[in-house]
Amino acid sequence: QVQLVESGGGLVQAGGSARLSCVASGRVVRISSMGWYRQAAGKERELVAGITSGGSTNYSDSVKGRFTISRDNAKNTVWLQMNSLKPEDTAVYYCQCNQMRGWSGSLYYTGGDYWGQGTQVTVSS
């Protein structure tokens, strides 16, 4: 089991910045990637940014050039730096990690995705 805890959400003025953090704990092994998703009120959850264990990143078109995802594997932490925030960025942001199926030591893991509880980011006009 992997537990993810997000922090850094809150009320931000349009054009401002915020930095979200996600710390993983528990059985943090065989993690292939981590990412940030968001879900606005009445909308489906969407991928914002992702990063692999090797450092490759990808972003949704709506946040390219404004958001930056980073990861410290040694600290089991991933960040999302958000700049030039817009009201349409208002959403609950969720941290996600993918655990690969396979062996870690003498234990076999079935793999899957783990999710944090989310942190609200509200951008005022």
Protein backbone atom coordinates (compact mmCIF):
# COMPACT_ATOMS: atom_id res chain seq x y z
CA GLN A 1 0.00 0.00 0.00
CA VAL A 2 1.17 3.48 -0.91
CA GLN A 3 -0.17 6.58 0.79
CA LEU A 4 -0.01 9.97 -0.92
CA VAL A 5 -0.45 13.25 0.90
CA GLU A 6 -0.80 16.52 -0.99
CA SER A 7 -0.25 20.01 0.34
CA GLY A 8 0.05 23.54 -0.93
CA GLY A 9 -3.46 24.26 -2.14
CA GLY A 10 -5.37 27.37 -1.30
CA LEU A 11 -6.67 30.64 -2.66
CA VAL A 12 -4.47 32.33 -5.25
CA GLN A 13 -4.93 35.47 -7.28
CA ALA A 14 -5.04 35.22 -11.05
CA GLY A 15 -1.54 35.59 -12.40
CA GLY A 16 -0.07 34.34 -9.18
CA SER A 17 1.79 31.17 -8.34
CA ALA A 18 1.45 28.16 -6.11
CA ARG A 19 3.49 25.08 -5.41
CA LEU A 20 1.89 21.75 -4.64
CA SER A 21 3.74 18.97 -2.90
CA CYS A 22 3.02 15.27 -2.69
CA VAL A 23 4.81 12.89 -0.36
CA ALA A 24 4.52 9.14 -0.76
CA SER A 25 4.83 6.75 2.14
CA GLY A 26 4.25 3.09 2.87
CA ARG A 27 5.38 0.49 0.39
CA VAL A 28 7.03 2.95 -1.95
CA VAL A 29 8.64 0.47 -4.30
CA ARG A 30 8.50 -0.17 -8.02
CA ILE A 31 7.10 3.28 -8.74
CA SER A 32 7.22 3.88 -12.47
CA SER A 33 5.68 7.33 -12.59
CA MET A 34 3.89 10.00 -10.62
CA GLY A 35 1.57 12.69 -11.76
CA TRP A 36 -0.88 15.41 -11.00
CA TYR A 37 -4.50 15.31 -12.03
CA ARG A 38 -7.23 17.82 -11.42
CA GLN A 39 -10.99 17.81 -11.34
CA ALA A 40 -13.01 20.97 -11.60
CA ALA A 41 -16.57 21.15 -10.33
CA GLY A 42 -18.84 19.33 -12.71
CA LYS A 43 -15.94 18.17 -14.89
CA GLU A 44 -14.08 14.93 -15.38
CA ARG A 45 -10.72 14.33 -13.83
CA GLU A 46 -7.90 15.15 -16.23
CA LEU A 47 -4.17 14.68 -16.33
CA VAL A 48 -2.24 17.87 -15.69
CA ALA A 49 1.35 16.67 -15.64
CA GLY A 50 3.24 13.44 -15.32
CA ILE A 51 6.81 12.41 -14.67
CA THR A 52 8.48 9.02 -14.96
CA SER A 53 11.07 7.59 -12.63
CA GLY A 54 13.65 8.52 -15.24
CA GLY A 55 12.57 12.14 -15.31
CA SER A 56 10.58 12.32 -18.53
CA THR A 57 7.68 14.74 -18.28
CA ASN A 58 4.51 15.53 -20.12
CA TYR A 59 1.87 18.21 -19.69
CA SER A 60 -1.63 18.90 -20.81
CA ASP A 61 -1.87 21.58 -23.46
CA SER A 62 -3.72 23.89 -21.12
CA VAL A 63 -0.81 24.15 -18.67
CA LYS A 64 2.22 23.91 -20.93
CA GLY A 65 4.62 26.73 -20.29
CA ARG A 66 2.98 27.59 -16.98
CA PHE A 67 3.28 24.46 -14.84
CA THR A 68 6.35 22.42 -14.02
CA ILE A 69 6.41 18.98 -12.46
CA SER A 70 9.46 17.70 -10.64
CA ARG A 71 10.33 14.64 -8.60
CA ASP A 72 12.85 13.53 -6.02
CA ASN A 73 12.86 9.75 -5.97
CA ALA A 74 15.06 9.63 -2.88
CA LYS A 75 12.54 11.69 -0.94
CA ASN A 76 9.49 10.06 -2.51
CA THR A 77 8.22 13.52 -3.31
CA VAL A 78 6.75 15.17 -6.36
CA TRP A 79 5.98 18.86 -6.83
CA LEU A 80 3.86 20.89 -9.16
CA GLN A 81 4.96 24.47 -9.62
CA MET A 82 2.08 26.50 -10.99
CA ASN A 83 2.70 29.94 -12.44
CA SER A 84 0.49 32.44 -14.23
CA LEU A 85 -2.57 30.87 -12.70
CA LYS A 86 -5.93 31.41 -14.32
CA PRO A 87 -9.44 31.07 -12.91
CA GLU A 88 -9.94 28.02 -15.11
CA ASP A 89 -7.17 26.30 -13.16
CA THR A 90 -9.52 26.15 -10.18
CA ALA A 91 -9.94 22.51 -9.26
CA VAL A 92 -9.12 19.81 -6.78
CA TYR A 93 -5.63 18.59 -7.58
CA TYR A 94 -4.78 14.96 -6.98
CA CYS A 95 -1.41 13.31 -6.71
CA GLN A 96 -1.07 9.93 -8.37
CA CYS A 97 1.55 7.25 -8.58
CA ASN A 98 1.80 4.06 -10.56
CA GLN A 99 3.28 0.97 -8.98
CA MET A 100 4.59 -1.64 -11.35
CA ARG A 101 3.65 -5.26 -10.99
CA GLY A 102 6.46 -7.54 -9.96
CA TRP A 103 8.88 -8.55 -7.27
CA SER A 104 10.48 -6.29 -4.70
CA GLY A 105 12.74 -8.33 -2.50
CA SER A 106 10.80 -11.41 -1.49
CA LEU A 107 7.40 -9.76 -1.95
CA TYR A 108 5.31 -9.74 -5.07
CA TYR A 109 3.28 -6.65 -5.86
CA THR A 110 0.20 -6.73 -8.04
CA GLY A 111 0.72 -3.14 -9.13
CA GLY A 112 -1.78 -0.40 -9.79
CA ASP A 113 -2.48 3.27 -9.28
CA TYR A 114 -2.60 5.10 -5.98
CA TRP A 115 -4.23 8.45 -5.34
CA GLY A 116 -4.01 11.18 -2.76
CA GLN A 117 -7.06 12.77 -1.20
CA GLY A 118 -6.65 15.96 -3.19
CA THR A 119 -6.00 19.59 -2.41
CA GLN A 120 -8.22 22.47 -3.48
CA VAL A 121 -6.72 25.22 -5.60
CA THR A 122 -8.92 28.24 -6.15
CA VAL A 123 -7.83 31.03 -8.47
CA SER A 124 -9.66 34.32 -8.10
CA SER A 125 -10.33 36.62 -11.05
